[in-house]
Amino acid sequence: MSYEAWIESKSQLHPNEYLYEDDELEEYDKEDGMWQVEIYARLKADNGQYFTTEELLFKLHNLMANKELGDHVFFENLAYDDHEFDGDDIDEIDDDDEGTPVFVVWLGS
């Protein structure tokens, strides 16, 4: 999954979340004490095969609950991002994740 949010530090990221291309949080990019970042999150279905709608929405909610989303707080869409995970996106990517489709969470106001 990929989504945008405002964070105060990397400590807000969950263990399964990474900044796009391992973005560095430069002081000059900070606005009102926060950085706007693109976050990648690796999700796995509880049953190991597929997500139910409820499970997927619950997991997305839990990822975003400790982040600032500005006025974009309503789920609008989940769209295939027309690419798969590769080493260029995330430095910490596992070989098992190579080729995993990336979906973007669209939020609106």
PDB file of N, CA and C in Angstrom:
ATOM      1  N   MET A   1       0.835  -1.175   0.000  1.00  0.00           N
ATOM      2  CA  MET A   1       0.000   0.000   0.000  1.00  0.00           C
ATOM      3  C   MET A   1       0.882   1.241   0.000  1.00  0.00           C
ATOM      4  N   SER A   2       0.367   2.287  -0.541  1.00  0.00           N
ATOM      5  CA  SER A   2       1.057   3.566  -0.534  1.00  0.00           C
ATOM      6  C   SER A   2       0.037   4.633  -0.172  1.00  0.00           C
ATOM      7  N   TYR A   3       0.451   5.574   0.680  1.00  0.00           N
ATOM      8  CA  TYR A   3      -0.413   6.699   1.016  1.00  0.00           C
ATOM      9  C   TYR A   3       0.436   7.869   1.478  1.00  0.00           C
ATOM     10  N   GLU A   4      -0.149   9.060   1.460  1.00  0.00           N
ATOM     11  CA  GLU A   4       0.542  10.262   1.907  1.00  0.00           C
ATOM     12  C   GLU A   4       0.008  10.683   3.264  1.00  0.00           C
ATOM     13  N   ALA A   5       0.911  11.196   4.090  1.00  0.00           N
ATOM     14  CA  ALA A   5       0.519  11.667   5.420  1.00  0.00           C
ATOM     15  C   ALA A   5       1.545  12.682   5.900  1.00  0.00           C
ATOM     16  N   TRP A   6       1.218  13.328   7.000  1.00  0.00           N
ATOM     17  CA  TRP A   6       2.128  14.243   7.685  1.00  0.00           C
ATOM     18  C   TRP A   6       2.597  13.548   8.948  1.00  0.00           C
ATOM     19  N   ILE A   7       3.922  13.519   9.166  1.00  0.00           N
ATOM     20  CA  ILE A   7       4.462  12.893  10.367  1.00  0.00           C
ATOM     21  C   ILE A   7       5.413  13.850  11.070  1.00  0.00           C
ATOM     22  N   GLU A   8       5.557  13.656  12.376  1.00  0.00           N
ATOM     23  CA  GLU A   8       6.483  14.457  13.164  1.00  0.00           C
ATOM     24  C   GLU A   8       7.876  13.834  13.200  1.00  0.00           C
ATOM     25  N   SER A   9       7.937  12.509  13.051  1.00  0.00           N
ATOM     26  CA  SER A   9       9.223  11.804  13.021  1.00  0.00           C
ATOM     27  C   SER A   9       9.009  10.401  12.462  1.00  0.00           C
ATOM     28  N   LYS A  10      10.118   9.742  12.135  1.00  0.00           N
ATOM     29  CA  LYS A  10      10.041   8.372  11.630  1.00  0.00           C
ATOM     30  C   LYS A  10       9.540   7.400  12.689  1.00  0.00           C
ATOM     31  N   SER A  11       9.559   7.812  13.950  1.00  0.00           N
ATOM     32  CA  SER A  11       9.083   6.927  15.022  1.00  0.00           C
ATOM     33  C   SER A  11       7.590   6.641  14.905  1.00  0.00           C
ATOM     34  N   GLN A  12       6.859   7.438  14.126  1.00  0.00           N
ATOM     35  CA  GLN A  12       5.436   7.194  13.911  1.00  0.00           C
ATOM     36  C   GLN A  12       5.175   6.051  12.939  1.00  0.00           C
ATOM     37  N   LEU A  13       6.195   5.640  12.216  1.00  0.00           N
ATOM     38  CA  LEU A  13       6.027   4.560  11.252  1.00  0.00           C
ATOM     39  C   LEU A  13       5.928   3.230  11.979  1.00  0.00           C
ATOM     40  N   HIS A  14       5.037   2.386  11.520  1.00  0.00           N
ATOM     41  CA  HIS A  14       4.891   1.037  12.055  1.00  0.00           C
ATOM     42  C   HIS A  14       6.018   0.166  11.500  1.00  0.00           C
ATOM     43  N   PRO A  15       6.286  -0.991  12.106  1.00  0.00           N
ATOM     44  CA  PRO A  15       7.375  -1.854  11.619  1.00  0.00           C
ATOM     45  C   PRO A  15       7.236  -2.274  10.149  1.00  0.00           C
ATOM     46  N   ASN A  16       6.018  -2.291   9.630  1.00  0.00           N
ATOM     47  CA  ASN A  16       5.809  -2.686   8.233  1.00  0.00           C
ATOM     48  C   ASN A  16       5.674  -1.491   7.299  1.00  0.00           C
ATOM     49  N   GLU A  17       6.065  -0.291   7.760  1.00  0.00           N
ATOM     50  CA  GLU A  17       5.976   0.922   6.941  1.00  0.00           C
ATOM     51  C   GLU A  17       7.359   1.489   6.652  1.00  0.00           C
ATOM     52  N   TYR A  18       7.495   2.059   5.458  1.00  0.00           N
ATOM     53  CA  TYR A  18       8.752   2.645   5.010  1.00  0.00           C
ATOM     54  C   TYR A  18       8.454   3.904   4.221  1.00  0.00           C
ATOM     55  N   LEU A  19       9.378   4.849   4.281  1.00  0.00           N
ATOM     56  CA  LEU A  19       9.229   6.049   3.471  1.00  0.00           C
ATOM     57  C   LEU A  19       9.639   5.734   2.041  1.00  0.00           C
ATOM     58  N   TYR A  20       8.946   6.337   1.090  1.00  0.00           N
ATOM     59  CA  TYR A  20       9.235   6.139  -0.326  1.00  0.00           C
ATOM     60  C   TYR A  20      10.685   6.511  -0.596  1.00  0.00           C
ATOM     61  N   GLU A  21      11.411   5.622  -1.252  1.00  0.00           N
ATOM     62  CA  GLU A  21      12.822   5.810  -1.592  1.00  0.00           C
ATOM     63  C   GLU A  21      13.630   6.232  -0.377  1.00  0.00           C
ATOM     64  N   ASP A  22      13.203   5.785   0.819  1.00  0.00           N
ATOM     65  CA  ASP A  22      13.886   6.074   2.083  1.00  0.00           C
ATOM     66  C   ASP A  22      14.143   7.573   2.234  1.00  0.00           C
ATOM     67  N   ASP A  23      13.104   8.377   1.986  1.00  0.00           N
ATOM     68  CA  ASP A  23      13.208   9.828   2.100  1.00  0.00           C
ATOM     69  C   ASP A  23      13.836  10.236   3.424  1.00  0.00           C
ATOM     70  N   GLU A  24      14.764  11.154   3.351  1.00  0.00           N
ATOM     71  CA  GLU A  24      15.335  11.741   4.561  1.00  0.00           C
ATOM     72  C   GLU A  24      14.455  12.914   4.971  1.00  0.00           C
ATOM     73  N   LEU A  25      14.261  13.064   6.252  1.00  0.00           N
ATOM     74  CA  LEU A  25      13.445  14.158   6.765  1.00  0.00           C
ATOM     75  C   LEU A  25      14.354  15.355   7.016  1.00  0.00           C
ATOM     76  N   GLU A  26      14.489  16.191   6.007  1.00  0.00           N
ATOM     77  CA  GLU A  26      15.353  17.369   6.086  1.00  0.00           C
ATOM     78  C   GLU A  26      14.631  18.495   6.804  1.00  0.00           C
ATOM     79  N   GLU A  27      15.346  19.197   7.650  1.00  0.00           N
ATOM     80  CA  GLU A  27      14.763  20.274   8.455  1.00  0.00           C
ATOM     81  C   GLU A  27      14.123  21.358   7.583  1.00  0.00           C
ATOM     82  N   TYR A  28      14.713  21.663   6.434  1.00  0.00           N
ATOM     83  CA  TYR A  28      14.179  22.713   5.574  1.00  0.00           C
ATOM     84  C   TYR A  28      12.868  22.310   4.895  1.00  0.00           C
ATOM     85  N   ASP A  29      12.532  21.010   4.887  1.00  0.00           N
ATOM     86  CA  ASP A  29      11.270  20.546   4.306  1.00  0.00           C
ATOM     87  C   ASP A  29      10.126  20.538   5.317  1.00  0.00           C
ATOM     88  N   LYS A  30      10.430  20.826   6.551  1.00  0.00           N
ATOM     89  CA  LYS A  30       9.454  20.753   7.639  1.00  0.00           C
ATOM     90  C   LYS A  30       8.483  21.930   7.562  1.00  0.00           C
ATOM     91  N   GLU A  31       7.191  21.621   7.739  1.00  0.00           N
ATOM     92  CA  GLU A  31       6.155  22.657   7.782  1.00  0.00           C
ATOM     93  C   GLU A  31       5.334  22.481   9.040  1.00  0.00           C
ATOM     94  N   ASP A  32       5.262  23.507   9.856  1.00  0.00           N
ATOM     95  CA  ASP A  32       4.505  23.459  11.115  1.00  0.00           C
ATOM     96  C   ASP A  32       4.882  22.248  11.961  1.00  0.00           C
ATOM     97  N   GLY A  33       6.176  21.919  11.988  1.00  0.00           N
ATOM     98  CA  GLY A  33       6.656  20.830  12.817  1.00  0.00           C
ATOM     99  C   GLY A  33       6.450  19.442  12.248  1.00  0.00           C
ATOM    100  N   MET A  34       6.041  19.344  10.970  1.00  0.00           N
ATOM    101  CA  MET A  34       5.771  18.028  10.377  1.00  0.00           C
ATOM    102  C   MET A  34       6.304  17.966   8.947  1.00  0.00           C
ATOM    103  N   TRP A  35       6.508  16.723   8.486  1.00  0.00           N
ATOM    104  CA  TRP A  35       6.910  16.479   7.104  1.00  0.00           C
ATOM    105  C   TRP A  35       5.788  15.775   6.364  1.00  0.00           C
ATOM    106  N   GLN A  36       5.588  16.184   5.108  1.00  0.00           N
ATOM    107  CA  GLN A  36       4.644  15.468   4.258  1.00  0.00           C
ATOM    108  C   GLN A  36       5.438  14.390   3.532  1.00  0.00           C
ATOM    109  N   VAL A  37       5.016  13.136   3.699  1.00  0.00           N
ATOM    110  CA  VAL A  37       5.774  12.012   3.155  1.00  0.00           C
ATOM    111  C   VAL A  37       4.853  11.033   2.445  1.00  0.00           C
ATOM    112  N   GLU A  38       5.454  10.239   1.569  1.00  0.00           N
ATOM    113  CA  GLU A  38       4.753   9.115   0.953  1.00  0.00           C
ATOM    114  C   GLU A  38       5.224   7.866   1.676  1.00  0.00           C
ATOM    115  N   ILE A  39       4.281   7.088   2.160  1.00  0.00           N
ATOM    116  CA  ILE A  39       4.578   5.914   2.967  1.00  0.00           C
ATOM    117  C   ILE A  39       4.170   4.656   2.220  1.00  0.00           C
ATOM    118  N   TYR A  40       5.059   3.684   2.216  1.00  0.00           N
ATOM    119  CA  TYR A  40       4.741   2.349   1.718  1.00  0.00           C
ATOM    120  C   TYR A  40       4.517   1.453   2.925  1.00  0.00           C
ATOM    121  N   ALA A  41       3.507   0.611   2.855  1.00  0.00           N
ATOM    122  CA  ALA A  41       3.236  -0.351   3.922  1.00  0.00           C
ATOM    123  C   ALA A  41       3.028  -1.724   3.302  1.00  0.00           C
ATOM    124  N   ARG A  42       3.662  -2.725   3.889  1.00  0.00           N
ATOM    125  CA  ARG A  42       3.469  -4.103   3.443  1.00  0.00           C
ATOM    126  C   ARG A  42       2.398  -4.729   4.324  1.00  0.00           C
ATOM    127  N   LEU A  43       1.350  -5.210   3.700  1.00  0.00           N
ATOM    128  CA  LEU A  43       0.257  -5.850   4.429  1.00  0.00           C
ATOM    129  C   LEU A  43       0.164  -7.313   4.029  1.00  0.00           C
ATOM    130  N   LYS A  44      -0.178  -8.141   4.997  1.00  0.00           N
ATOM    131  CA  LYS A  44      -0.394  -9.562   4.734  1.00  0.00           C
ATOM    132  C   LYS A  44      -1.759  -9.953   5.277  1.00  0.00           C
ATOM    133  N   ALA A  45      -2.478 -10.737   4.509  1.00  0.00           N
ATOM    134  CA  ALA A  45      -3.803 -11.207   4.932  1.00  0.00           C
ATOM    135  C   ALA A  45      -3.657 -12.162   6.107  1.00  0.00           C
ATOM    136  N   ASP A  46      -4.584 -12.086   7.030  1.00  0.00           N
ATOM    137  CA  ASP A  46      -4.541 -12.956   8.212  1.00  0.00           C
ATOM    138  C   ASP A  46      -4.590 -14.431   7.849  1.00  0.00           C
ATOM    139  N   ASN A  47      -5.326 -14.756   6.790  1.00  0.00           N
ATOM    140  CA  ASN A  47      -5.432 -16.169   6.402  1.00  0.00           C
ATOM    141  C   ASN A  47      -4.314 -16.590   5.437  1.00  0.00           C
ATOM    142  N   GLY A  48      -3.430 -15.653   5.087  1.00  0.00           N
ATOM    143  CA  GLY A  48      -2.303 -15.972   4.226  1.00  0.00           C
ATOM    144  C   GLY A  48      -2.619 -16.056   2.751  1.00  0.00           C
ATOM    145  N   GLN A  49      -3.905 -15.844   2.364  1.00  0.00           N
ATOM    146  CA  GLN A  49      -4.285 -15.985   0.956  1.00  0.00           C
ATOM    147  C   GLN A  49      -4.947 -14.738   0.380  1.00  0.00           C
ATOM    148  N   TYR A  50      -5.905 -14.163   1.100  1.00  0.00           N
ATOM    149  CA  TYR A  50      -6.645 -13.025   0.565  1.00  0.00           C
ATOM    150  C   TYR A  50      -7.195 -12.180   1.711  1.00  0.00           C
ATOM    151  N   PHE A  51      -7.486 -10.913   1.386  1.00  0.00           N
ATOM    152  CA  PHE A  51      -8.081  -9.998   2.355  1.00  0.00           C
ATOM    153  C   PHE A  51      -9.593  -9.989   2.196  1.00  0.00           C
ATOM    154  N   THR A  52     -10.296  -9.919   3.302  1.00  0.00           N
ATOM    155  CA  THR A  52     -11.706  -9.546   3.224  1.00  0.00           C
ATOM    156  C   THR A  52     -11.728  -8.021   3.186  1.00  0.00           C
ATOM    157  N   THR A  53     -12.810  -7.460   2.729  1.00  0.00           N
ATOM    158  CA  THR A  53     -12.925  -6.005   2.684  1.00  0.00           C
ATOM    159  C   THR A  53     -12.747  -5.407   4.072  1.00  0.00           C
ATOM    160  N   GLU A  54     -13.396  -6.013   5.051  1.00  0.00           N
ATOM    161  CA  GLU A  54     -13.331  -5.501   6.421  1.00  0.00           C
ATOM    162  C   GLU A  54     -11.907  -5.551   6.965  1.00  0.00           C
ATOM    163  N   GLU A  55     -11.214  -6.650   6.719  1.00  0.00           N
ATOM    164  CA  GLU A  55      -9.845  -6.789   7.215  1.00  0.00           C
ATOM    165  C   GLU A  55      -8.928  -5.740   6.596  1.00  0.00           C
ATOM    166  N   LEU A  56      -9.046  -5.546   5.290  1.00  0.00           N
ATOM    167  CA  LEU A  56      -8.204  -4.577   4.601  1.00  0.00           C
ATOM    168  C   LEU A  56      -8.464  -3.163   5.104  1.00  0.00           C
ATOM    169  N   LEU A  57      -9.716  -2.761   5.211  1.00  0.00           N
ATOM    170  CA  LEU A  57     -10.032  -1.423   5.706  1.00  0.00           C
ATOM    171  C   LEU A  57      -9.588  -1.239   7.152  1.00  0.00           C
ATOM    172  N   PHE A  58      -9.722  -2.270   7.972  1.00  0.00           N
ATOM    173  CA  PHE A  58      -9.287  -2.212   9.362  1.00  0.00           C
ATOM    174  C   PHE A  58      -7.775  -2.006   9.443  1.00  0.00           C
ATOM    175  N   LYS A  59      -7.020  -2.744   8.644  1.00  0.00           N
ATOM    176  CA  LYS A  59      -5.568  -2.618   8.644  1.00  0.00           C
ATOM    177  C   LYS A  59      -5.132  -1.243   8.133  1.00  0.00           C
ATOM    178  N   LEU A  60      -5.797  -0.738   7.105  1.00  0.00           N
ATOM    179  CA  LEU A  60      -5.474   0.601   6.610  1.00  0.00           C
ATOM    180  C   LEU A  60      -5.761   1.659   7.670  1.00  0.00           C
ATOM    181  N   HIS A  61      -6.902   1.544   8.330  1.00  0.00           N
ATOM    182  CA  HIS A  61      -7.248   2.488   9.395  1.00  0.00           C
ATOM    183  C   HIS A  61      -6.175   2.488  10.482  1.00  0.00           C
ATOM    184  N   ASN A  62      -5.757   1.309  10.909  1.00  0.00           N
ATOM    185  CA  ASN A  62      -4.759   1.211  11.974  1.00  0.00           C
ATOM    186  C   ASN A  62      -3.414   1.798  11.566  1.00  0.00           C
ATOM    187  N   LEU A  63      -3.043   1.671  10.291  1.00  0.00           N
ATOM    188  CA  LEU A  63      -1.800   2.275   9.820  1.00  0.00           C
ATOM    189  C   LEU A  63      -1.853   3.797   9.909  1.00  0.00           C
ATOM    190  N   MET A  64      -2.984   4.368   9.563  1.00  0.00           N
ATOM    191  CA  MET A  64      -3.099   5.817   9.447  1.00  0.00           C
ATOM    192  C   MET A  64      -3.534   6.519  10.734  1.00  0.00           C
ATOM    193  N   ALA A  65      -3.960   5.751  11.713  1.00  0.00           N
ATOM    194  CA  ALA A  65      -4.549   6.338  12.921  1.00  0.00           C
ATOM    195  C   ALA A  65      -3.591   7.252  13.677  1.00  0.00           C
ATOM    196  N   ASN A  66      -2.289   7.003  13.633  1.00  0.00           N
ATOM    197  CA  ASN A  66      -1.346   7.835  14.374  1.00  0.00           C
ATOM    198  C   ASN A  66      -0.645   8.872  13.499  1.00  0.00           C
ATOM    199  N   LYS A  67      -1.191   9.117  12.318  1.00  0.00           N
ATOM    200  CA  LYS A  67      -0.615  10.081  11.389  1.00  0.00           C
ATOM    201  C   LYS A  67      -1.608  11.227  11.147  1.00  0.00           C
ATOM    202  N   GLU A  68      -1.088  12.360  10.742  1.00  0.00           N
ATOM    203  CA  GLU A  68      -1.932  13.499  10.399  1.00  0.00           C
ATOM    204  C   GLU A  68      -2.246  13.421   8.907  1.00  0.00           C
ATOM    205  N   LEU A  69      -3.514  13.430   8.578  1.00  0.00           N
ATOM    206  CA  LEU A  69      -3.939  13.322   7.183  1.00  0.00           C
ATOM    207  C   LEU A  69      -4.474  14.644   6.637  1.00  0.00           C
ATOM    208  N   GLY A  70      -4.373  15.705   7.430  1.00  0.00           N
ATOM    209  CA  GLY A  70      -4.914  16.992   7.009  1.00  0.00           C
ATOM    210  C   GLY A  70      -6.418  16.888   6.867  1.00  0.00           C
ATOM    211  N   ASP A  71      -6.956  17.476   5.819  1.00  0.00           N
ATOM    212  CA  ASP A  71      -8.409  17.395   5.619  1.00  0.00           C
ATOM    213  C   ASP A  71      -8.798  16.198   4.749  1.00  0.00           C
ATOM    214  N   HIS A  72      -7.825  15.353   4.423  1.00  0.00           N
ATOM    215  CA  HIS A  72      -8.087  14.151   3.617  1.00  0.00           C
ATOM    216  C   HIS A  72      -8.303  12.966   4.559  1.00  0.00           C
ATOM    217  N   VAL A  73      -9.503  12.844   5.068  1.00  0.00           N
ATOM    218  CA  VAL A  73      -9.785  11.824   6.080  1.00  0.00           C
ATOM    219  C   VAL A  73     -10.817  10.789   5.636  1.00  0.00           C
ATOM    220  N   PHE A  74     -11.374  10.949   4.448  1.00  0.00           N
ATOM    221  CA  PHE A  74     -12.400  10.016   3.994  1.00  0.00           C
ATOM    222  C   PHE A  74     -11.838   9.084   2.925  1.00  0.00           C
ATOM    223  N   PHE A  75     -12.050   7.787   3.116  1.00  0.00           N
ATOM    224  CA  PHE A  75     -11.599   6.798   2.145  1.00  0.00           C
ATOM    225  C   PHE A  75     -12.374   6.994   0.848  1.00  0.00           C
ATOM    226  N   GLU A  76     -11.651   7.140  -0.266  1.00  0.00           N
ATOM    227  CA  GLU A  76     -12.299   7.315  -1.563  1.00  0.00           C
ATOM    228  C   GLU A  76     -12.076   6.130  -2.497  1.00  0.00           C
ATOM    229  N   ASN A  77     -10.842   5.596  -2.487  1.00  0.00           N
ATOM    230  CA  ASN A  77     -10.550   4.567  -3.471  1.00  0.00           C
ATOM    231  C   ASN A  77      -9.252   3.851  -3.111  1.00  0.00           C
ATOM    232  N   LEU A  78      -9.130   2.670  -3.638  1.00  0.00           N
ATOM    233  CA  LEU A  78      -7.898   1.920  -3.572  1.00  0.00           C
ATOM    234  C   LEU A  78      -7.581   1.573  -5.017  1.00  0.00           C
ATOM    235  N   ALA A  79      -6.463   2.060  -5.530  1.00  0.00           N
ATOM    236  CA  ALA A  79      -6.165   1.906  -6.952  1.00  0.00           C
ATOM    237  C   ALA A  79      -4.801   1.262  -7.164  1.00  0.00           C
ATOM    238  N   TYR A  80      -4.724   0.377  -8.135  1.00  0.00           N
ATOM    239  CA  TYR A  80      -3.449  -0.228  -8.517  1.00  0.00           C
ATOM    240  C   TYR A  80      -2.547   0.868  -9.066  1.00  0.00           C
ATOM    241  N   ASP A  81      -1.308   0.917  -8.576  1.00  0.00           N
ATOM    242  CA  ASP A  81      -0.379   1.988  -8.939  1.00  0.00           C
ATOM    243  C   ASP A  81       0.428   1.689 -10.195  1.00  0.00           C
ATOM    244  N   ASP A  82       0.069   0.636 -10.901  1.00  0.00           N
ATOM    245  CA  ASP A  82       0.696   0.275 -12.165  1.00  0.00           C
ATOM    246  C   ASP A  82       2.181  -0.055 -12.017  1.00  0.00           C
ATOM    247  N   HIS A  83       2.573  -0.542 -10.837  1.00  0.00           N
ATOM    248  CA  HIS A  83       3.922  -1.086 -10.683  1.00  0.00           C
ATOM    249  C   HIS A  83       3.962  -2.028  -9.493  1.00  0.00           C
ATOM    250  N   GLU A  84       5.077  -2.720  -9.352  1.00  0.00           N
ATOM    251  CA  GLU A  84       5.267  -3.671  -8.268  1.00  0.00           C
ATOM    252  C   GLU A  84       6.426  -3.194  -7.402  1.00  0.00           C
ATOM    253  N   PHE A  85       6.471  -3.693  -6.169  1.00  0.00           N
ATOM    254  CA  PHE A  85       7.600  -3.384  -5.293  1.00  0.00           C
ATOM    255  C   PHE A  85       8.893  -3.820  -5.957  1.00  0.00           C
ATOM    256  N   ASP A  86       9.906  -2.978  -5.840  1.00  0.00           N
ATOM    257  CA  ASP A  86      11.251  -3.374  -6.243  1.00  0.00           C
ATOM    258  C   ASP A  86      12.242  -2.650  -5.335  1.00  0.00           C
ATOM    259  N   GLY A  87      13.483  -3.000  -5.454  1.00  0.00           N
ATOM    260  CA  GLY A  87      14.518  -2.437  -4.599  1.00  0.00           C
ATOM    261  C   GLY A  87      14.668  -0.933  -4.732  1.00  0.00           C
ATOM    262  N   ASP A  88      14.191  -0.332  -5.839  1.00  0.00           N
ATOM    263  CA  ASP A  88      14.297   1.111  -6.007  1.00  0.00           C
ATOM    264  C   ASP A  88      13.316   1.868  -5.129  1.00  0.00           C
ATOM    265  N   ASP A  89      12.209   1.225  -4.743  1.00  0.00           N
ATOM    266  CA  ASP A  89      11.191   1.884  -3.924  1.00  0.00           C
ATOM    267  C   ASP A  89      11.586   1.922  -2.450  1.00  0.00           C
ATOM    268  N   ILE A  90      12.029   0.776  -1.951  1.00  0.00           N
ATOM    269  CA  ILE A  90      12.290   0.631  -0.524  1.00  0.00           C
ATOM    270  C   ILE A  90      13.598  -0.133  -0.340  1.00  0.00           C
ATOM    271  N   ASP A  91      14.527   0.435   0.408  1.00  0.00           N
ATOM    272  CA  ASP A  91      15.805  -0.233   0.639  1.00  0.00           C
ATOM    273  C   ASP A  91      15.650  -1.513   1.441  1.00  0.00           C
ATOM    274  N   GLU A  92      14.677  -1.544   2.372  1.00  0.00           N
ATOM    275  CA  GLU A  92      14.517  -2.680   3.272  1.00  0.00           C
ATOM    276  C   GLU A  92      13.681  -3.807   2.680  1.00  0.00           C
ATOM    277  N   ILE A  93      13.383  -3.771   1.397  1.00  0.00           N
ATOM    278  CA  ILE A  93      12.485  -4.747   0.790  1.00  0.00           C
ATOM    279  C   ILE A  93      13.105  -6.149   0.821  1.00  0.00           C
ATOM    280  N   ASP A  94      12.285  -7.136   1.108  1.00  0.00           N
ATOM    281  CA  ASP A  94      12.707  -8.530   1.093  1.00  0.00           C
ATOM    282  C   ASP A  94      12.598  -9.070  -0.324  1.00  0.00           C
ATOM    283  N   ASP A  95      13.419 -10.050  -0.638  1.00  0.00           N
ATOM    284  CA  ASP A  95      13.336 -10.681  -1.955  1.00  0.00           C
ATOM    285  C   ASP A  95      11.960 -11.282  -2.197  1.00  0.00           C
ATOM    286  N   ASP A  96      11.286 -11.731  -1.111  1.00  0.00           N
ATOM    287  CA  ASP A  96       9.948 -12.306  -1.238  1.00  0.00           C
ATOM    288  C   ASP A  96       8.929 -11.287  -1.718  1.00  0.00           C
ATOM    289  N   ASP A  97       9.196  -9.997  -1.489  1.00  0.00           N
ATOM    290  CA  ASP A  97       8.251  -8.947  -1.855  1.00  0.00           C
ATOM    291  C   ASP A  97       8.440  -8.450  -3.284  1.00  0.00           C
ATOM    292  N   GLU A  98       9.539  -8.806  -3.925  1.00  0.00           N
ATOM    293  CA  GLU A  98       9.761  -8.387  -5.308  1.00  0.00           C
ATOM    294  C   GLU A  98       8.563  -8.804  -6.148  1.00  0.00           C
ATOM    295  N   GLY A  99       8.006  -7.877  -6.905  1.00  0.00           N
ATOM    296  CA  GLY A  99       6.879  -8.182  -7.775  1.00  0.00           C
ATOM    297  C   GLY A  99       5.519  -8.067  -7.117  1.00  0.00           C
ATOM    298  N   THR A 100       5.458  -7.739  -5.828  1.00  0.00           N
ATOM    299  CA  THR A 100       4.173  -7.563  -5.156  1.00  0.00           C
ATOM    300  C   THR A 100       3.523  -6.278  -5.653  1.00  0.00           C
ATOM    301  N   PRO A 101       2.265  -6.317  -6.090  1.00  0.00           N
ATOM    302  CA  PRO A 101       1.607  -5.110  -6.605  1.00  0.00           C
ATOM    303  C   PRO A 101       1.496  -4.018  -5.547  1.00  0.00           C
ATOM    304  N   VAL A 102       1.602  -2.779  -5.997  1.00  0.00           N
ATOM    305  CA  VAL A 102       1.458  -1.614  -5.117  1.00  0.00           C
ATOM    306  C   VAL A 102       0.107  -0.966  -5.390  1.00  0.00           C
ATOM    307  N   PHE A 103      -0.646  -0.724  -4.329  1.00  0.00           N
ATOM    308  CA  PHE A 103      -1.923  -0.030  -4.428  1.00  0.00           C
ATOM    309  C   PHE A 103      -1.829   1.284  -3.680  1.00  0.00           C
ATOM    310  N   VAL A 104      -2.481   2.305  -4.206  1.00  0.00           N
ATOM    311  CA  VAL A 104      -2.501   3.629  -3.586  1.00  0.00           C
ATOM    312  C   VAL A 104      -3.846   3.830  -2.906  1.00  0.00           C
ATOM    313  N   VAL A 105      -3.800   4.331  -1.682  1.00  0.00           N
ATOM    314  CA  VAL A 105      -5.022   4.668  -0.940  1.00  0.00           C
ATOM    315  C   VAL A 105      -5.334   6.130  -1.247  1.00  0.00           C
ATOM    316  N   TRP A 106      -6.481   6.374  -1.844  1.00  0.00           N
ATOM    317  CA  TRP A 106      -6.918   7.732  -2.134  1.00  0.00           C
ATOM    318  C   TRP A 106      -7.854   8.195  -1.023  1.00  0.00           C
ATOM    319  N   LEU A 107      -7.509   9.322  -0.433  1.00  0.00           N
ATOM    320  CA  LEU A 107      -8.331   9.910   0.626  1.00  0.00           C
ATOM    321  C   LEU A 107      -8.819  11.277   0.158  1.00  0.00           C
ATOM    322  N   GLY A 108     -10.002  11.656   0.611  1.00  0.00           N
ATOM    323  CA  GLY A 108     -10.552  12.945   0.221  1.00  0.00           C
ATOM    324  C   GLY A 108     -11.107  13.691   1.421  1.00  0.00           C
ATOM    325  N   SER A 109     -11.574  14.893   1.139  1.00  0.00           N
ATOM    326  CA  SER A 109     -12.114  15.729   2.212  1.00  0.00           C
ATOM    327  C   SER A 109     -13.612  15.905   2.076  1.00  0.00           C
TER     328      SER A 109
END
